N, C-alpha and C. Protein backbone atom coordinates (compact mmCIF):
# COMPACT_ATOMS: atom_id res chain seq x y z
N MET A 1 109.91 92.07 132.74
CA MET A 1 109.95 92.99 131.62
C MET A 1 109.73 94.40 132.14
N THR A 2 110.59 95.32 131.69
CA THR A 2 110.48 96.69 132.16
C THR A 2 109.63 97.51 131.21
N LYS A 3 109.00 98.52 131.75
CA LYS A 3 108.15 99.40 130.95
C LYS A 3 109.02 100.48 130.32
N ALA A 4 108.89 100.66 129.00
CA ALA A 4 109.68 101.66 128.28
C ALA A 4 109.16 103.06 128.59
N THR A 5 110.05 104.03 128.56
CA THR A 5 109.66 105.41 128.75
C THR A 5 108.76 105.85 127.60
N THR A 6 107.69 106.54 127.92
CA THR A 6 106.74 106.98 126.92
C THR A 6 107.43 107.84 125.87
N GLY A 7 107.19 107.52 124.59
CA GLY A 7 107.76 108.28 123.51
C GLY A 7 109.18 107.91 123.15
N LYS A 8 109.86 107.15 123.97
CA LYS A 8 111.24 106.75 123.71
C LYS A 8 111.26 105.56 122.77
N ARG A 9 112.01 105.69 121.67
CA ARG A 9 112.09 104.60 120.69
C ARG A 9 113.54 104.16 120.57
N VAL A 10 113.72 102.90 120.22
CA VAL A 10 115.04 102.35 120.00
C VAL A 10 115.42 102.61 118.54
N LYS A 11 116.62 103.14 118.34
CA LYS A 11 117.12 103.43 117.00
C LYS A 11 118.35 102.55 116.76
N ALA A 12 118.46 102.00 115.57
CA ALA A 12 119.61 101.16 115.25
C ALA A 12 120.02 101.36 113.80
N TYR A 13 121.29 101.13 113.58
CA TYR A 13 121.86 101.14 112.23
C TYR A 13 122.12 99.69 111.86
N VAL A 14 121.61 99.28 110.71
CA VAL A 14 121.76 97.89 110.27
C VAL A 14 122.63 97.87 109.02
N LEU A 15 123.80 97.23 109.14
CA LEU A 15 124.70 97.05 108.01
C LEU A 15 124.29 95.77 107.30
N ILE A 16 124.11 95.84 106.00
CA ILE A 16 123.57 94.72 105.23
C ILE A 16 124.54 94.33 104.12
N GLU A 17 124.92 93.05 104.13
CA GLU A 17 125.78 92.51 103.08
C GLU A 17 124.93 91.63 102.18
N THR A 18 125.16 91.74 100.86
CA THR A 18 124.40 90.93 99.91
C THR A 18 125.33 90.00 99.14
N ALA A 19 124.75 88.97 98.56
CA ALA A 19 125.49 88.05 97.69
C ALA A 19 125.89 88.80 96.42
N ALA A 20 126.95 88.35 95.79
CA ALA A 20 127.43 88.98 94.56
C ALA A 20 126.31 89.04 93.51
N GLY A 21 126.12 90.23 92.96
CA GLY A 21 125.12 90.41 91.91
C GLY A 21 123.69 90.56 92.39
N LYS A 22 123.47 90.59 93.70
CA LYS A 22 122.11 90.63 94.24
C LYS A 22 121.70 92.00 94.81
N ALA A 23 122.58 92.99 94.75
CA ALA A 23 122.29 94.27 95.41
C ALA A 23 121.00 94.92 94.92
N LYS A 24 120.77 94.94 93.61
CA LYS A 24 119.56 95.59 93.08
C LYS A 24 118.29 94.86 93.51
N VAL A 25 118.33 93.54 93.49
CA VAL A 25 117.16 92.75 93.91
C VAL A 25 116.89 92.94 95.39
N VAL A 26 117.96 92.96 96.19
CA VAL A 26 117.81 93.15 97.63
C VAL A 26 117.26 94.54 97.92
N LYS A 27 117.75 95.56 97.22
CA LYS A 27 117.24 96.93 97.43
C LYS A 27 115.75 96.99 97.17
N LYS A 28 115.31 96.35 96.09
CA LYS A 28 113.89 96.34 95.76
C LYS A 28 113.08 95.66 96.87
N SER A 29 113.59 94.55 97.39
CA SER A 29 112.90 93.84 98.48
C SER A 29 112.91 94.66 99.77
N LEU A 30 114.02 95.33 100.05
CA LEU A 30 114.08 96.16 101.25
C LEU A 30 113.05 97.28 101.20
N SER A 31 112.83 97.83 100.01
CA SER A 31 111.86 98.93 99.88
C SER A 31 110.43 98.46 100.10
N LYS A 32 110.20 97.14 100.02
CA LYS A 32 108.86 96.59 100.20
C LYS A 32 108.58 96.12 101.62
N ILE A 33 109.55 96.26 102.53
CA ILE A 33 109.32 95.82 103.91
C ILE A 33 108.20 96.64 104.51
N LYS A 34 107.22 95.95 105.06
CA LYS A 34 106.06 96.61 105.67
C LYS A 34 106.42 97.17 107.05
N SER A 35 105.93 98.35 107.31
CA SER A 35 106.11 98.94 108.64
C SER A 35 105.15 98.28 109.60
N GLY A 36 105.62 98.02 110.79
CA GLY A 36 104.81 97.48 111.87
C GLY A 36 105.19 98.25 113.11
N PRO A 37 105.37 97.55 114.22
CA PRO A 37 105.84 98.24 115.42
C PRO A 37 107.20 98.90 115.17
N SER A 38 108.02 98.27 114.33
CA SER A 38 109.31 98.84 113.93
C SER A 38 109.28 99.17 112.45
N THR A 39 110.11 100.12 112.07
CA THR A 39 110.12 100.54 110.68
C THR A 39 111.52 100.92 110.24
N MET A 40 111.80 100.74 108.97
CA MET A 40 113.04 101.21 108.39
C MET A 40 112.79 102.65 107.95
N ILE A 41 113.52 103.59 108.53
CA ILE A 41 113.25 104.99 108.22
C ILE A 41 114.17 105.57 107.15
N HIS A 42 115.28 104.86 106.86
CA HIS A 42 116.18 105.34 105.81
C HIS A 42 117.05 104.19 105.33
N LEU A 43 117.42 104.21 104.06
CA LEU A 43 118.29 103.19 103.47
C LEU A 43 119.25 103.86 102.51
N ASP A 44 120.54 103.55 102.67
CA ASP A 44 121.57 104.05 101.76
C ASP A 44 122.41 102.90 101.26
N GLY A 45 122.81 102.96 99.99
CA GLY A 45 123.83 102.07 99.46
C GLY A 45 125.17 102.63 99.90
N ILE A 46 126.10 101.76 100.26
CA ILE A 46 127.40 102.21 100.75
C ILE A 46 128.52 101.40 100.12
N THR A 47 129.74 101.90 100.25
CA THR A 47 130.92 101.18 99.78
C THR A 47 131.58 100.49 100.98
N GLY A 48 132.44 99.54 100.69
CA GLY A 48 133.12 98.81 101.76
C GLY A 48 132.61 97.39 101.83
N PRO A 49 132.79 96.74 102.98
CA PRO A 49 132.41 95.34 103.09
C PRO A 49 130.89 95.12 103.10
N PHE A 50 130.12 96.16 103.35
CA PHE A 50 128.66 96.06 103.34
C PHE A 50 128.11 96.81 102.13
N ASP A 51 126.90 96.45 101.72
CA ASP A 51 126.29 97.06 100.54
C ASP A 51 125.27 98.14 100.88
N PHE A 52 124.63 98.00 102.04
CA PHE A 52 123.60 98.97 102.47
C PHE A 52 123.73 99.24 103.95
N ILE A 53 123.25 100.42 104.35
CA ILE A 53 123.05 100.72 105.76
C ILE A 53 121.62 101.24 105.90
N ALA A 54 120.90 100.65 106.83
CA ALA A 54 119.51 101.04 107.08
C ALA A 54 119.41 101.63 108.48
N ILE A 55 118.59 102.64 108.63
CA ILE A 55 118.26 103.16 109.95
C ILE A 55 116.88 102.64 110.28
N VAL A 56 116.77 101.96 111.41
CA VAL A 56 115.49 101.40 111.83
C VAL A 56 115.13 101.93 113.21
N GLU A 57 113.85 102.00 113.49
CA GLU A 57 113.34 102.43 114.80
C GLU A 57 112.22 101.52 115.22
N GLY A 58 112.11 101.34 116.52
CA GLY A 58 111.02 100.55 117.07
C GLY A 58 110.77 100.90 118.51
N PRO A 59 109.68 100.38 119.08
CA PRO A 59 109.32 100.71 120.46
C PRO A 59 110.26 100.09 121.49
N ASN A 60 110.94 99.00 121.12
CA ASN A 60 111.86 98.34 122.04
C ASN A 60 112.86 97.50 121.23
N LEU A 61 113.86 96.98 121.93
CA LEU A 61 114.90 96.21 121.26
C LEU A 61 114.37 94.94 120.61
N ASP A 62 113.42 94.28 121.26
CA ASP A 62 112.83 93.07 120.68
C ASP A 62 112.15 93.35 119.35
N ALA A 63 111.42 94.44 119.26
CA ALA A 63 110.72 94.79 118.02
C ALA A 63 111.71 95.11 116.91
N VAL A 64 112.78 95.81 117.24
CA VAL A 64 113.82 96.10 116.25
C VAL A 64 114.46 94.79 115.80
N GLY A 65 114.74 93.91 116.73
CA GLY A 65 115.33 92.61 116.41
C GLY A 65 114.46 91.79 115.48
N ARG A 66 113.16 91.83 115.70
CA ARG A 66 112.24 91.09 114.81
C ARG A 66 112.27 91.66 113.39
N LEU A 67 112.32 92.98 113.28
CA LEU A 67 112.40 93.60 111.95
C LEU A 67 113.69 93.16 111.24
N VAL A 68 114.79 93.14 111.98
CA VAL A 68 116.07 92.77 111.38
C VAL A 68 116.08 91.29 110.98
N THR A 69 115.64 90.40 111.86
CA THR A 69 115.71 88.97 111.57
C THR A 69 114.60 88.50 110.64
N ASP A 70 113.37 88.90 110.90
CA ASP A 70 112.23 88.42 110.11
C ASP A 70 112.02 89.21 108.82
N GLY A 71 112.46 90.45 108.79
CA GLY A 71 112.28 91.29 107.62
C GLY A 71 113.54 91.36 106.77
N ILE A 72 114.54 92.03 107.27
CA ILE A 72 115.76 92.27 106.49
C ILE A 72 116.55 90.97 106.27
N GLY A 73 116.82 90.24 107.32
CA GLY A 73 117.66 89.04 107.22
C GLY A 73 117.04 87.91 106.42
N ALA A 74 115.72 87.92 106.28
CA ALA A 74 115.03 86.85 105.55
C ALA A 74 114.97 87.08 104.04
N ILE A 75 115.44 88.23 103.59
CA ILE A 75 115.39 88.54 102.16
C ILE A 75 116.41 87.68 101.41
N ASP A 76 115.97 87.09 100.31
CA ASP A 76 116.85 86.29 99.48
C ASP A 76 117.96 87.17 98.91
N GLY A 77 119.19 86.81 99.15
CA GLY A 77 120.33 87.59 98.69
C GLY A 77 121.05 88.31 99.81
N VAL A 78 120.41 88.47 100.97
CA VAL A 78 121.07 89.04 102.13
C VAL A 78 121.90 87.94 102.77
N THR A 79 123.21 88.16 102.87
CA THR A 79 124.08 87.13 103.43
C THR A 79 124.45 87.39 104.87
N ARG A 80 124.41 88.67 105.30
CA ARG A 80 124.78 88.98 106.68
C ARG A 80 124.24 90.35 107.05
N THR A 81 123.86 90.50 108.31
CA THR A 81 123.50 91.80 108.85
C THR A 81 124.28 92.01 110.14
N THR A 82 124.61 93.27 110.40
CA THR A 82 125.21 93.65 111.66
C THR A 82 124.40 94.82 112.19
N THR A 83 123.87 94.68 113.38
CA THR A 83 123.00 95.71 113.95
C THR A 83 123.75 96.48 115.04
N CYS A 84 123.76 97.79 114.90
CA CYS A 84 124.43 98.68 115.86
C CYS A 84 123.34 99.54 116.49
N VAL A 85 123.05 99.30 117.76
CA VAL A 85 122.01 100.05 118.46
C VAL A 85 122.58 101.40 118.90
N ALA A 86 121.84 102.46 118.61
CA ALA A 86 122.26 103.81 119.00
C ALA A 86 122.07 103.96 120.51
N VAL A 87 123.06 104.59 121.16
CA VAL A 87 123.00 104.82 122.60
C VAL A 87 123.27 106.29 122.89
N SER A 88 122.83 106.72 124.03
CA SER A 88 123.06 108.08 124.47
C SER A 88 124.32 108.10 125.33
N ILE A 89 125.28 108.92 124.95
CA ILE A 89 126.54 109.00 125.70
C ILE A 89 126.64 110.39 126.31
N GLY A 90 126.91 110.42 127.60
CA GLY A 90 127.10 111.72 128.24
C GLY A 90 126.11 111.91 129.28
């Protein structure tokens, strides 16, 4: 296991799809997710194949993954998530 650079956090965009008619209930549940090592810093409703996009941050990729799988993905009504990790280009 490698040591992360001090102050460097992993940022990811999480696309969230909900079951038909569940968007309002899912939004309410998403707003109740407790912050831990990782946190959801922003949530928007969107159009297209997904219903929400969340910006999440954490100390490492594993922590972000736990937030997505144990927090967001476990919500009743969430049918699929797609996580896009932000990278530095250049």
